[in-house]
């Protein structure tokens, strides 16, 4: 957890209370939201995944730190693949 707090400060993530709550998916669907951030100066990236059911209940989530990427696009792609 300390690593998350440290990277949140370094990568300047928004305060969780300021985040927008997304609507749930339609019936018989699940919704996967991904986000990624990259710090050029620290050569670190982070990605997060949240999967919701039709009731808006979180079915799963993941937060990962990446060291080997040099493109925010690639971090987003990896986040999607991890979510699948």
PDB file of N, CA and C in Angstrom:
ATOM      1  N   UNK A   1       0.819  -1.186   0.000  1.00  0.00           N
ATOM      2  CA  UNK A   1       0.000   0.000   0.000  1.00  0.00           C
ATOM      3  C   UNK A   1       0.869   1.258   0.000  1.00  0.00           C
ATOM      4  N   UNK A   2       1.996   1.214   0.674  1.00  0.00           N
ATOM      5  CA  UNK A   2       2.878   2.374   0.702  1.00  0.00           C
ATOM      6  C   UNK A   2       3.399   2.690  -0.702  1.00  0.00           C
ATOM      7  N   UNK A   3       3.665   1.642  -1.483  1.00  0.00           N
ATOM      8  CA  UNK A   3       4.137   1.858  -2.848  1.00  0.00           C
ATOM      9  C   UNK A   3       3.083   2.607  -3.668  1.00  0.00           C
ATOM     10  N   UNK A   4       1.796   2.259  -3.471  1.00  0.00           N
ATOM     11  CA  UNK A   4       0.714   2.966  -4.161  1.00  0.00           C
ATOM     12  C   UNK A   4       0.699   4.439  -3.761  1.00  0.00           C
ATOM     13  N   UNK A   5       0.806   4.706  -2.456  1.00  0.00           N
ATOM     14  CA  UNK A   5       0.794   6.105  -1.995  1.00  0.00           C
ATOM     15  C   UNK A   5       1.978   6.883  -2.577  1.00  0.00           C
ATOM     16  N   UNK A   6       3.158   6.257  -2.589  1.00  0.00           N
ATOM     17  CA  UNK A   6       4.341   6.923  -3.136  1.00  0.00           C
ATOM     18  C   UNK A   6       4.150   7.242  -4.611  1.00  0.00           C
ATOM     19  N   UNK A   7       3.653   6.262  -5.378  1.00  0.00           N
ATOM     20  CA  UNK A   7       3.458   6.498  -6.809  1.00  0.00           C
ATOM     21  C   UNK A   7       2.328   7.484  -7.072  1.00  0.00           C
ATOM     22  N   UNK A   8       1.323   7.494  -6.230  1.00  0.00           N
ATOM     23  CA  UNK A   8       0.245   8.463  -6.384  1.00  0.00           C
ATOM     24  C   UNK A   8       0.795   9.877  -6.283  1.00  0.00           C
ATOM     25  N   UNK A   9       1.705  10.097  -5.363  1.00  0.00           N
ATOM     26  CA  UNK A   9       2.320  11.424  -5.238  1.00  0.00           C
ATOM     27  C   UNK A   9       3.215  11.724  -6.433  1.00  0.00           C
ATOM     28  N   UNK A  10       4.011  10.741  -6.848  1.00  0.00           N
ATOM     29  CA  UNK A  10       4.936  10.943  -7.972  1.00  0.00           C
ATOM     30  C   UNK A  10       4.172  11.172  -9.270  1.00  0.00           C
ATOM     31  N   UNK A  11       3.145  10.338  -9.515  1.00  0.00           N
ATOM     32  CA  UNK A  11       2.411  10.403 -10.775  1.00  0.00           C
ATOM     33  C   UNK A  11       1.258  11.397 -10.741  1.00  0.00           C
ATOM     34  N   UNK A  12       1.023  12.000  -9.570  1.00  0.00           N
ATOM     35  CA  UNK A  12      -0.001  13.030  -9.402  1.00  0.00           C
ATOM     36  C   UNK A  12      -1.399  12.525  -9.759  1.00  0.00           C
ATOM     37  N   UNK A  13      -1.782  11.367  -9.208  1.00  0.00           N
ATOM     38  CA  UNK A  13      -3.142  10.850  -9.396  1.00  0.00           C
ATOM     39  C   UNK A  13      -4.127  11.759  -8.669  1.00  0.00           C
ATOM     40  N   UNK A  14      -5.357  11.827  -9.176  1.00  0.00           N
ATOM     41  CA  UNK A  14      -6.361  12.638  -8.481  1.00  0.00           C
ATOM     42  C   UNK A  14      -6.757  12.006  -7.156  1.00  0.00           C
ATOM     43  N   UNK A  15      -7.245  12.811  -6.266  1.00  0.00           N
ATOM     44  CA  UNK A  15      -7.763  12.326  -4.994  1.00  0.00           C
ATOM     45  C   UNK A  15      -8.991  11.463  -5.283  1.00  0.00           C
ATOM     46  N   UNK A  16      -9.110  10.252  -4.687  1.00  0.00           N
ATOM     47  CA  UNK A  16     -10.266   9.390  -4.987  1.00  0.00           C
ATOM     48  C   UNK A  16     -11.617  10.068  -4.785  1.00  0.00           C
ATOM     49  N   UNK A  17     -11.733  11.003  -3.857  1.00  0.00           N
ATOM     50  CA  UNK A  17     -13.017  11.673  -3.649  1.00  0.00           C
ATOM     51  C   UNK A  17     -13.370  12.587  -4.821  1.00  0.00           C
ATOM     52  N   UNK A  18     -12.397  12.951  -5.655  1.00  0.00           N
ATOM     53  CA  UNK A  18     -12.653  13.822  -6.794  1.00  0.00           C
ATOM     54  C   UNK A  18     -12.963  13.028  -8.064  1.00  0.00           C
ATOM     55  N   UNK A  19     -12.884  11.682  -8.004  1.00  0.00           N
ATOM     56  CA  UNK A  19     -13.118  10.866  -9.185  1.00  0.00           C
ATOM     57  C   UNK A  19     -14.613  10.784  -9.510  1.00  0.00           C
ATOM     58  N   UNK A  20     -14.905  10.608 -10.771  1.00  0.00           N
ATOM     59  CA  UNK A  20     -16.284  10.527 -11.255  1.00  0.00           C
ATOM     60  C   UNK A  20     -16.758   9.083 -11.170  1.00  0.00           C
ATOM     61  N   UNK A  21     -17.986   8.883 -10.701  1.00  0.00           N
ATOM     62  CA  UNK A  21     -18.572   7.542 -10.649  1.00  0.00           C
ATOM     63  C   UNK A  21     -19.220   7.264 -12.003  1.00  0.00           C
ATOM     64  N   UNK A  22     -18.816   6.165 -12.640  1.00  0.00           N
ATOM     65  CA  UNK A  22     -19.313   5.826 -13.967  1.00  0.00           C
ATOM     66  C   UNK A  22     -20.586   4.991 -13.867  1.00  0.00           C
ATOM     67  N   UNK A  23     -21.499   5.140 -14.842  1.00  0.00           N
ATOM     68  CA  UNK A  23     -22.753   4.363 -14.800  1.00  0.00           C
ATOM     69  C   UNK A  23     -22.478   2.875 -15.048  1.00  0.00           C
ATOM     70  N   UNK A  24     -23.340   1.989 -14.508  1.00  0.00           N
ATOM     71  CA  UNK A  24     -23.147   0.555 -14.719  1.00  0.00           C
ATOM     72  C   UNK A  24     -23.477   0.160 -16.161  1.00  0.00           C
ATOM     73  N   UNK A  25     -23.028  -1.025 -16.588  1.00  0.00           N
ATOM     74  CA  UNK A  25     -23.314  -1.484 -17.958  1.00  0.00           C
ATOM     75  C   UNK A  25     -24.756  -1.955 -18.087  1.00  0.00           C
ATOM     76  N   UNK A  26     -25.218  -2.170 -19.316  1.00  0.00           N
ATOM     77  CA  UNK A  26     -26.572  -2.699 -19.524  1.00  0.00           C
ATOM     78  C   UNK A  26     -26.678  -4.142 -19.002  1.00  0.00           C
ATOM     79  N   UNK A  27     -27.910  -4.635 -18.824  1.00  0.00           N
ATOM     80  CA  UNK A  27     -28.092  -6.025 -18.378  1.00  0.00           C
ATOM     81  C   UNK A  27     -27.365  -7.011 -19.301  1.00  0.00           C
ATOM     82  N   UNK A  28     -26.867  -8.083 -18.726  1.00  0.00           N
ATOM     83  CA  UNK A  28     -26.113  -9.167 -19.389  1.00  0.00           C
ATOM     84  C   UNK A  28     -24.742  -8.721 -19.917  1.00  0.00           C
ATOM     85  N   UNK A  29     -24.273  -7.567 -19.508  1.00  0.00           N
ATOM     86  CA  UNK A  29     -22.950  -7.078 -19.871  1.00  0.00           C
ATOM     87  C   UNK A  29     -22.137  -6.846 -18.600  1.00  0.00           C
ATOM     88  N   UNK A  30     -20.830  -6.811 -18.768  1.00  0.00           N
ATOM     89  CA  UNK A  30     -19.948  -6.310 -17.716  1.00  0.00           C
ATOM     90  C   UNK A  30     -19.178  -5.152 -18.308  1.00  0.00           C
ATOM     91  N   UNK A  31     -18.689  -4.305 -17.450  1.00  0.00           N
ATOM     92  CA  UNK A  31     -17.980  -3.112 -17.907  1.00  0.00           C
ATOM     93  C   UNK A  31     -16.580  -3.131 -17.324  1.00  0.00           C
ATOM     94  N   UNK A  32     -15.597  -2.885 -18.177  1.00  0.00           N
ATOM     95  CA  UNK A  32     -14.216  -2.827 -17.729  1.00  0.00           C
ATOM     96  C   UNK A  32     -13.679  -1.418 -17.996  1.00  0.00           C
ATOM     97  N   UNK A  33     -13.251  -0.748 -16.949  1.00  0.00           N
ATOM     98  CA  UNK A  33     -12.620   0.561 -17.072  1.00  0.00           C
ATOM     99  C   UNK A  33     -11.140   0.400 -16.775  1.00  0.00           C
ATOM    100  N   UNK A  34     -10.306   0.986 -17.613  1.00  0.00           N
ATOM    101  CA  UNK A  34      -8.859   0.947 -17.395  1.00  0.00           C
ATOM    102  C   UNK A  34      -8.313   2.365 -17.397  1.00  0.00           C
ATOM    103  N   UNK A  35      -7.225   2.528 -16.712  1.00  0.00           N
ATOM    104  CA  UNK A  35      -6.524   3.809 -16.721  1.00  0.00           C
ATOM    105  C   UNK A  35      -5.045   3.520 -16.564  1.00  0.00           C
ATOM    106  N   UNK A  36      -4.237   4.400 -17.076  1.00  0.00           N
ATOM    107  CA  UNK A  36      -2.794   4.234 -16.959  1.00  0.00           C
ATOM    108  C   UNK A  36      -2.149   5.606 -16.824  1.00  0.00           C
ATOM    109  N   UNK A  37      -1.008   5.607 -16.193  1.00  0.00           N
ATOM    110  CA  UNK A  37      -0.224   6.842 -16.089  1.00  0.00           C
ATOM    111  C   UNK A  37       1.241   6.484 -16.239  1.00  0.00           C
ATOM    112  N   UNK A  38       2.021   7.464 -16.686  1.00  0.00           N
ATOM    113  CA  UNK A  38       3.431   7.226 -16.950  1.00  0.00           C
ATOM    114  C   UNK A  38       4.232   8.444 -16.526  1.00  0.00           C
ATOM    115  N   UNK A  39       5.305   8.206 -15.803  1.00  0.00           N
ATOM    116  CA  UNK A  39       6.200   9.278 -15.395  1.00  0.00           C
ATOM    117  C   UNK A  39       7.506   9.142 -16.174  1.00  0.00           C
ATOM    118  N   UNK A  40       7.741  10.075 -17.067  1.00  0.00           N
ATOM    119  CA  UNK A  40       8.963  10.041 -17.870  1.00  0.00           C
ATOM    120  C   UNK A  40      10.191  10.188 -16.986  1.00  0.00           C
ATOM    121  N   UNK A  41      10.141  11.108 -16.039  1.00  0.00           N
ATOM    122  CA  UNK A  41      11.311  11.361 -15.198  1.00  0.00           C
ATOM    123  C   UNK A  41      11.681  10.173 -14.310  1.00  0.00           C
ATOM    124  N   UNK A  42      10.686   9.390 -13.881  1.00  0.00           N
ATOM    125  CA  UNK A  42      10.952   8.239 -13.014  1.00  0.00           C
ATOM    126  C   UNK A  42      10.972   6.919 -13.768  1.00  0.00           C
ATOM    127  N   UNK A  43      10.630   6.947 -15.055  1.00  0.00           N
ATOM    128  CA  UNK A  43      10.582   5.731 -15.865  1.00  0.00           C
ATOM    129  C   UNK A  43       9.697   4.667 -15.212  1.00  0.00           C
ATOM    130  N   UNK A  44       8.570   5.093 -14.649  1.00  0.00           N
ATOM    131  CA  UNK A  44       7.614   4.184 -14.018  1.00  0.00           C
ATOM    132  C   UNK A  44       6.234   4.439 -14.598  1.00  0.00           C
ATOM    133  N   UNK A  45       5.476   3.356 -14.669  1.00  0.00           N
ATOM    134  CA  UNK A  45       4.106   3.458 -15.137  1.00  0.00           C
ATOM    135  C   UNK A  45       3.218   2.687 -14.175  1.00  0.00           C
ATOM    136  N   UNK A  46       1.946   3.027 -14.161  1.00  0.00           N
ATOM    137  CA  UNK A  46       0.972   2.324 -13.340  1.00  0.00           C
ATOM    138  C   UNK A  46      -0.308   2.174 -14.144  1.00  0.00           C
ATOM    139  N   UNK A  47      -0.991   1.061 -13.921  1.00  0.00           N
ATOM    140  CA  UNK A  47      -2.277   0.851 -14.576  1.00  0.00           C
ATOM    141  C   UNK A  47      -3.263   0.303 -13.552  1.00  0.00           C
ATOM    142  N   UNK A  48      -4.534   0.594 -13.795  1.00  0.00           N
ATOM    143  CA  UNK A  48      -5.583   0.076 -12.911  1.00  0.00           C
ATOM    144  C   UNK A  48      -6.757  -0.381 -13.759  1.00  0.00           C
ATOM    145  N   UNK A  49      -7.468  -1.380 -13.227  1.00  0.00           N
ATOM    146  CA  UNK A  49      -8.600  -1.982 -13.916  1.00  0.00           C
ATOM    147  C   UNK A  49      -9.733  -2.132 -12.907  1.00  0.00           C
ATOM    148  N   UNK A  50     -10.952  -1.826 -13.332  1.00  0.00           N
ATOM    149  CA  UNK A  50     -12.140  -2.084 -12.516  1.00  0.00           C
ATOM    150  C   UNK A  50     -13.175  -2.737 -13.420  1.00  0.00           C
ATOM    151  N   UNK A  51     -13.759  -3.853 -12.957  1.00  0.00           N
ATOM    152  CA  UNK A  51     -14.799  -4.556 -13.704  1.00  0.00           C
ATOM    153  C   UNK A  51     -16.075  -4.514 -12.875  1.00  0.00           C
ATOM    154  N   UNK A  52     -17.181  -4.042 -13.510  1.00  0.00           N
ATOM    155  CA  UNK A  52     -18.475  -3.898 -12.831  1.00  0.00           C
ATOM    156  C   UNK A  52     -19.536  -4.753 -13.506  1.00  0.00           C
ATOM    157  N   UNK A  53     -20.509  -5.218 -12.708  1.00  0.00           N
ATOM    158  CA  UNK A  53     -21.663  -5.913 -13.269  1.00  0.00           C
ATOM    159  C   UNK A  53     -22.787  -4.913 -13.530  1.00  0.00           C
ATOM    160  N   UNK A  54     -23.957  -5.434 -13.946  1.00  0.00           N
ATOM    161  CA  UNK A  54     -25.082  -4.549 -14.302  1.00  0.00           C
ATOM    162  C   UNK A  54     -25.627  -3.755 -13.123  1.00  0.00           C
ATOM    163  N   UNK A  55     -25.363  -4.223 -11.896  1.00  0.00           N
ATOM    164  CA  UNK A  55     -25.813  -3.510 -10.702  1.00  0.00           C
ATOM    165  C   UNK A  55     -24.808  -2.442 -10.268  1.00  0.00           C
ATOM    166  N   UNK A  56     -23.698  -2.352 -10.984  1.00  0.00           N
ATOM    167  CA  UNK A  56     -22.663  -1.396 -10.614  1.00  0.00           C
ATOM    168  C   UNK A  56     -21.732  -1.923  -9.540  1.00  0.00           C
ATOM    169  N   UNK A  57     -21.917  -3.197  -9.149  1.00  0.00           N
ATOM    170  CA  UNK A  57     -21.056  -3.807  -8.138  1.00  0.00           C
ATOM    171  C   UNK A  57     -19.714  -4.158  -8.767  1.00  0.00           C
ATOM    172  N   UNK A  58     -18.659  -3.925  -8.046  1.00  0.00           N
ATOM    173  CA  UNK A  58     -17.322  -4.231  -8.544  1.00  0.00           C
ATOM    174  C   UNK A  58     -17.085  -5.731  -8.452  1.00  0.00           C
ATOM    175  N   UNK A  59     -16.823  -6.346  -9.600  1.00  0.00           N
ATOM    176  CA  UNK A  59     -16.564  -7.780  -9.681  1.00  0.00           C
ATOM    177  C   UNK A  59     -15.076  -8.083  -9.517  1.00  0.00           C
ATOM    178  N   UNK A  60     -14.250  -7.124  -9.844  1.00  0.00           N
ATOM    179  CA  UNK A  60     -12.814  -7.310  -9.729  1.00  0.00           C
ATOM    180  C   UNK A  60     -12.089  -6.009  -9.992  1.00  0.00           C
ATOM    181  N   UNK A  61     -10.894  -5.920  -9.486  1.00  0.00           N
ATOM    182  CA  UNK A  61     -10.066  -4.735  -9.731  1.00  0.00           C
ATOM    183  C   UNK A  61      -8.604  -5.130  -9.606  1.00  0.00           C
ATOM    184  N   UNK A  62      -7.757  -4.304 -10.169  1.00  0.00           N
ATOM    185  CA  UNK A  62      -6.323  -4.594 -10.166  1.00  0.00           C
ATOM    186  C   UNK A  62      -5.554  -3.293 -10.308  1.00  0.00           C
ATOM    187  N   UNK A  63      -4.418  -3.224  -9.666  1.00  0.00           N
ATOM    188  CA  UNK A  63      -3.510  -2.083  -9.787  1.00  0.00           C
ATOM    189  C   UNK A  63      -2.121  -2.663  -9.996  1.00  0.00           C
ATOM    190  N   UNK A  64      -1.437  -2.227 -11.028  1.00  0.00           N
ATOM    191  CA  UNK A  64      -0.097  -2.751 -11.319  1.00  0.00           C
ATOM    192  C   UNK A  64       0.885  -1.622 -11.581  1.00  0.00           C
ATOM    193  N   UNK A  65       2.117  -1.904 -11.214  1.00  0.00           N
ATOM    194  CA  UNK A  65       3.217  -0.975 -11.480  1.00  0.00           C
ATOM    195  C   UNK A  65       4.099  -1.610 -12.557  1.00  0.00           C
ATOM    196  N   UNK A  66       4.482  -0.814 -13.530  1.00  0.00           N
ATOM    197  CA  UNK A  66       5.268  -1.305 -14.667  1.00  0.00           C
ATOM    198  C   UNK A  66       6.582  -0.539 -14.745  1.00  0.00           C
ATOM    199  N   UNK A  67       7.637  -1.254 -15.046  1.00  0.00           N
ATOM    200  CA  UNK A  67       8.954  -0.626 -15.143  1.00  0.00           C
ATOM    201  C   UNK A  67       9.547  -0.636 -16.545  1.00  0.00           C
ATOM    202  N   UNK A  68       9.001  -1.411 -17.458  1.00  0.00           N
ATOM    203  CA  UNK A  68       9.663  -1.629 -18.743  1.00  0.00           C
ATOM    204  C   UNK A  68       8.986  -0.958 -19.940  1.00  0.00           C
ATOM    205  N   UNK A  69       8.110  -0.001 -19.697  1.00  0.00           N
ATOM    206  CA  UNK A  69       7.415   0.661 -20.798  1.00  0.00           C
ATOM    207  C   UNK A  69       7.918   2.083 -20.989  1.00  0.00           C
ATOM    208  N   UNK A  70       7.881   2.522 -22.231  1.00  0.00           N
ATOM    209  CA  UNK A  70       8.276   3.900 -22.515  1.00  0.00           C
ATOM    210  C   UNK A  70       7.153   4.665 -23.209  1.00  0.00           C
ATOM    211  N   UNK A  71       5.960   4.074 -23.249  1.00  0.00           N
ATOM    212  CA  UNK A  71       4.827   4.698 -23.928  1.00  0.00           C
ATOM    213  C   UNK A  71       3.560   4.496 -23.098  1.00  0.00           C
ATOM    214  N   UNK A  72       2.822   5.564 -22.880  1.00  0.00           N
ATOM    215  CA  UNK A  72       1.565   5.468 -22.149  1.00  0.00           C
ATOM    216  C   UNK A  72       0.572   4.607 -22.920  1.00  0.00           C
ATOM    217  N   UNK A  73       0.625   4.655 -24.233  1.00  0.00           N
ATOM    218  CA  UNK A  73      -0.270   3.831 -25.051  1.00  0.00           C
ATOM    219  C   UNK A  73      -0.057   2.345 -24.754  1.00  0.00           C
ATOM    220  N   UNK A  74       1.179   1.916 -24.661  1.00  0.00           N
ATOM    221  CA  UNK A  74       1.462   0.506 -24.386  1.00  0.00           C
ATOM    222  C   UNK A  74       0.997   0.104 -22.987  1.00  0.00           C
ATOM    223  N   UNK A  75       1.096   0.999 -22.024  1.00  0.00           N
ATOM    224  CA  UNK A  75       0.625   0.699 -20.672  1.00  0.00           C
ATOM    225  C   UNK A  75      -0.898   0.523 -20.684  1.00  0.00           C
ATOM    226  N   UNK A  76      -1.602   1.380 -21.430  1.00  0.00           N
ATOM    227  CA  UNK A  76      -3.061   1.242 -21.553  1.00  0.00           C
ATOM    228  C   UNK A  76      -3.421  -0.096 -22.209  1.00  0.00           C
ATOM    229  N   UNK A  77      -2.701  -0.483 -23.253  1.00  0.00           N
ATOM    230  CA  UNK A  77      -2.964  -1.749 -23.938  1.00  0.00           C
ATOM    231  C   UNK A  77      -2.764  -2.923 -22.978  1.00  0.00           C
ATOM    232  N   UNK A  78      -1.688  -2.905 -22.231  1.00  0.00           N
ATOM    233  CA  UNK A  78      -1.426  -3.978 -21.269  1.00  0.00           C
ATOM    234  C   UNK A  78      -2.504  -4.021 -20.200  1.00  0.00           C
ATOM    235  N   UNK A  79      -2.985  -2.873 -19.755  1.00  0.00           N
ATOM    236  CA  UNK A  79      -4.062  -2.834 -18.763  1.00  0.00           C
ATOM    237  C   UNK A  79      -5.321  -3.505 -19.313  1.00  0.00           C
ATOM    238  N   UNK A  80      -5.666  -3.236 -20.561  1.00  0.00           N
ATOM    239  CA  UNK A  80      -6.832  -3.871 -21.174  1.00  0.00           C
ATOM    240  C   UNK A  80      -6.629  -5.379 -21.247  1.00  0.00           C
ATOM    241  N   UNK A  81      -5.457  -5.819 -21.679  1.00  0.00           N
ATOM    242  CA  UNK A  81      -5.184  -7.248 -21.780  1.00  0.00           C
ATOM    243  C   UNK A  81      -5.250  -7.924 -20.414  1.00  0.00           C
ATOM    244  N   UNK A  82      -4.747  -7.282 -19.379  1.00  0.00           N
ATOM    245  CA  UNK A  82      -4.838  -7.846 -18.030  1.00  0.00           C
ATOM    246  C   UNK A  82      -6.285  -7.954 -17.575  1.00  0.00           C
ATOM    247  N   UNK A  83      -7.112  -7.015 -17.984  1.00  0.00           N
ATOM    248  CA  UNK A  83      -8.522  -7.037 -17.604  1.00  0.00           C
ATOM    249  C   UNK A  83      -9.312  -8.140 -18.283  1.00  0.00           C
ATOM    250  N   UNK A  84      -8.865  -8.510 -19.478  1.00  0.00           N
ATOM    251  CA  UNK A  84      -9.582  -9.578 -20.196  1.00  0.00           C
ATOM    252  C   UNK A  84      -9.287 -10.902 -19.550  1.00  0.00           C
TER     253      UNK A  84
END
